[in-house]
Amino acid sequence: MDGRTRLRLDVSYDGTDFSGWAVQPDRRTVAGVLGEALDLLLGAGTATGLTVA
């Protein structure tokens, strides 16, 4: 094992105030907001590789 922990989050949201899923410069996106929240919870740079399905 490589020491990483994998988490599954089931997330629903109203997309009205977002510019899509993927991180985009100068845009509020779902992945951007989730990444910022995970950085606060887990430490900056800890959460990497968000995947949507």
N, C-alpha and C. Protein backbone atom coordinates (compact mmCIF):
# COMPACT_ATOMS: atom_id res chain seq x y z
N MET A 1 0.84 -1.19 0.00
CA MET A 1 0.00 0.00 0.00
C MET A 1 0.88 1.24 0.00
N ASP A 2 0.33 2.31 -0.52
CA ASP A 2 1.11 3.53 -0.64
C ASP A 2 0.84 4.55 0.46
N GLY A 3 0.06 4.20 1.47
CA GLY A 3 -0.18 5.11 2.59
C GLY A 3 -1.29 6.12 2.37
N ARG A 4 -1.90 6.10 1.21
CA ARG A 4 -2.99 7.04 0.94
C ARG A 4 -4.32 6.45 1.39
N THR A 5 -5.26 7.33 1.68
CA THR A 5 -6.61 6.94 2.04
C THR A 5 -7.56 7.43 0.96
N ARG A 6 -8.43 6.57 0.53
CA ARG A 6 -9.41 6.93 -0.50
C ARG A 6 -10.76 7.15 0.18
N LEU A 7 -11.40 8.27 -0.14
CA LEU A 7 -12.71 8.59 0.41
C LEU A 7 -13.74 8.65 -0.70
N ARG A 8 -14.95 8.26 -0.37
CA ARG A 8 -16.06 8.42 -1.31
C ARG A 8 -17.03 9.41 -0.68
N LEU A 9 -17.35 10.45 -1.43
CA LEU A 9 -18.34 11.43 -0.99
C LEU A 9 -19.49 11.41 -1.99
N ASP A 10 -20.69 11.24 -1.52
CA ASP A 10 -21.87 11.37 -2.37
C ASP A 10 -22.39 12.78 -2.17
N VAL A 11 -22.28 13.59 -3.22
CA VAL A 11 -22.58 15.02 -3.11
C VAL A 11 -23.68 15.38 -4.09
N SER A 12 -24.61 16.17 -3.62
CA SER A 12 -25.60 16.75 -4.53
C SER A 12 -25.56 18.26 -4.33
N TYR A 13 -25.89 19.01 -5.35
CA TYR A 13 -25.80 20.46 -5.27
C TYR A 13 -26.71 21.10 -6.31
N ASP A 14 -27.05 22.33 -6.07
CA ASP A 14 -27.76 23.15 -7.04
C ASP A 14 -26.69 23.86 -7.86
N GLY A 15 -26.60 23.57 -9.13
CA GLY A 15 -25.53 24.10 -9.96
C GLY A 15 -25.69 25.54 -10.41
N THR A 16 -26.74 26.20 -9.96
CA THR A 16 -27.02 27.56 -10.42
C THR A 16 -25.83 28.50 -10.26
N ASP A 17 -25.16 28.45 -9.12
CA ASP A 17 -24.08 29.41 -8.84
C ASP A 17 -22.69 28.88 -9.17
N PHE A 18 -22.62 27.80 -9.94
CA PHE A 18 -21.33 27.22 -10.31
C PHE A 18 -21.12 27.30 -11.82
N SER A 19 -19.85 27.30 -12.21
CA SER A 19 -19.48 27.28 -13.63
C SER A 19 -19.01 25.89 -14.01
N GLY A 20 -19.81 24.87 -13.69
CA GLY A 20 -19.48 23.50 -14.02
C GLY A 20 -18.73 22.79 -12.92
N TRP A 21 -18.27 21.57 -13.23
CA TRP A 21 -17.56 20.73 -12.26
C TRP A 21 -16.09 21.08 -12.18
N ALA A 22 -15.40 21.04 -13.31
CA ALA A 22 -13.93 21.14 -13.34
C ALA A 22 -13.43 22.50 -12.90
N VAL A 23 -12.28 22.50 -12.23
CA VAL A 23 -11.64 23.75 -11.80
C VAL A 23 -11.33 24.59 -13.03
N GLN A 24 -11.68 25.87 -12.97
CA GLN A 24 -11.41 26.82 -14.04
C GLN A 24 -10.86 28.10 -13.42
N PRO A 25 -9.89 28.72 -14.06
CA PRO A 25 -9.34 29.96 -13.51
C PRO A 25 -10.43 31.02 -13.35
N ASP A 26 -10.43 31.68 -12.22
CA ASP A 26 -11.34 32.79 -11.95
C ASP A 26 -12.82 32.43 -12.04
N ARG A 27 -13.16 31.17 -11.84
CA ARG A 27 -14.55 30.71 -11.85
C ARG A 27 -14.84 29.90 -10.60
N ARG A 28 -16.06 30.00 -10.09
CA ARG A 28 -16.49 29.18 -8.96
C ARG A 28 -17.02 27.87 -9.51
N THR A 29 -16.32 26.78 -9.21
CA THR A 29 -16.71 25.47 -9.71
C THR A 29 -16.91 24.50 -8.55
N VAL A 30 -17.60 23.41 -8.81
CA VAL A 30 -17.86 22.41 -7.77
C VAL A 30 -16.54 21.82 -7.28
N ALA A 31 -15.68 21.39 -8.18
CA ALA A 31 -14.40 20.81 -7.78
C ALA A 31 -13.54 21.82 -7.02
N GLY A 32 -13.59 23.07 -7.42
CA GLY A 32 -12.83 24.11 -6.73
C GLY A 32 -13.29 24.31 -5.30
N VAL A 33 -14.60 24.38 -5.10
CA VAL A 33 -15.15 24.57 -3.76
C VAL A 33 -14.90 23.35 -2.89
N LEU A 34 -15.10 22.15 -3.44
CA LEU A 34 -14.82 20.93 -2.68
C LEU A 34 -13.34 20.85 -2.30
N GLY A 35 -12.48 21.16 -3.23
CA GLY A 35 -11.04 21.13 -2.95
C GLY A 35 -10.64 22.10 -1.85
N GLU A 36 -11.22 23.30 -1.87
CA GLU A 36 -10.93 24.29 -0.83
C GLU A 36 -11.41 23.79 0.54
N ALA A 37 -12.60 23.21 0.57
CA ALA A 37 -13.15 22.69 1.83
C ALA A 37 -12.31 21.54 2.36
N LEU A 38 -11.88 20.64 1.47
CA LEU A 38 -11.05 19.51 1.90
C LEU A 38 -9.69 19.99 2.38
N ASP A 39 -9.14 21.03 1.76
CA ASP A 39 -7.88 21.61 2.24
C ASP A 39 -8.02 22.12 3.67
N LEU A 40 -9.17 22.76 3.97
CA LEU A 40 -9.40 23.26 5.33
C LEU A 40 -9.52 22.11 6.32
N LEU A 41 -10.21 21.05 5.93
CA LEU A 41 -10.43 19.92 6.83
C LEU A 41 -9.21 19.03 7.01
N LEU A 42 -8.50 18.78 5.92
CA LEU A 42 -7.43 17.78 5.93
C LEU A 42 -6.02 18.36 5.90
N GLY A 43 -5.91 19.64 5.59
CA GLY A 43 -4.60 20.28 5.43
C GLY A 43 -4.34 20.56 3.96
N ALA A 44 -3.76 21.68 3.68
CA ALA A 44 -3.53 22.13 2.31
C ALA A 44 -2.72 21.10 1.53
N GLY A 45 -3.19 20.79 0.33
CA GLY A 45 -2.50 19.87 -0.56
C GLY A 45 -2.70 18.39 -0.25
N THR A 46 -3.45 18.09 0.79
CA THR A 46 -3.68 16.69 1.17
C THR A 46 -4.63 16.00 0.22
N ALA A 47 -5.72 16.67 -0.12
CA ALA A 47 -6.74 16.08 -1.01
C ALA A 47 -6.32 16.33 -2.46
N THR A 48 -6.08 15.26 -3.17
CA THR A 48 -5.71 15.38 -4.58
C THR A 48 -6.54 14.39 -5.39
N GLY A 49 -6.71 14.67 -6.66
CA GLY A 49 -7.35 13.71 -7.55
C GLY A 49 -8.84 13.55 -7.38
N LEU A 50 -9.58 14.65 -7.34
CA LEU A 50 -11.04 14.53 -7.30
C LEU A 50 -11.53 13.92 -8.61
N THR A 51 -12.44 12.98 -8.50
CA THR A 51 -13.01 12.31 -9.67
C THR A 51 -14.51 12.36 -9.59
N VAL A 52 -15.15 12.64 -10.71
CA VAL A 52 -16.61 12.68 -10.76
C VAL A 52 -17.12 11.53 -11.63
N ALA A 53 -18.24 11.01 -11.27
CA ALA A 53 -18.83 9.92 -12.06
C ALA A 53 -20.32 10.15 -12.21
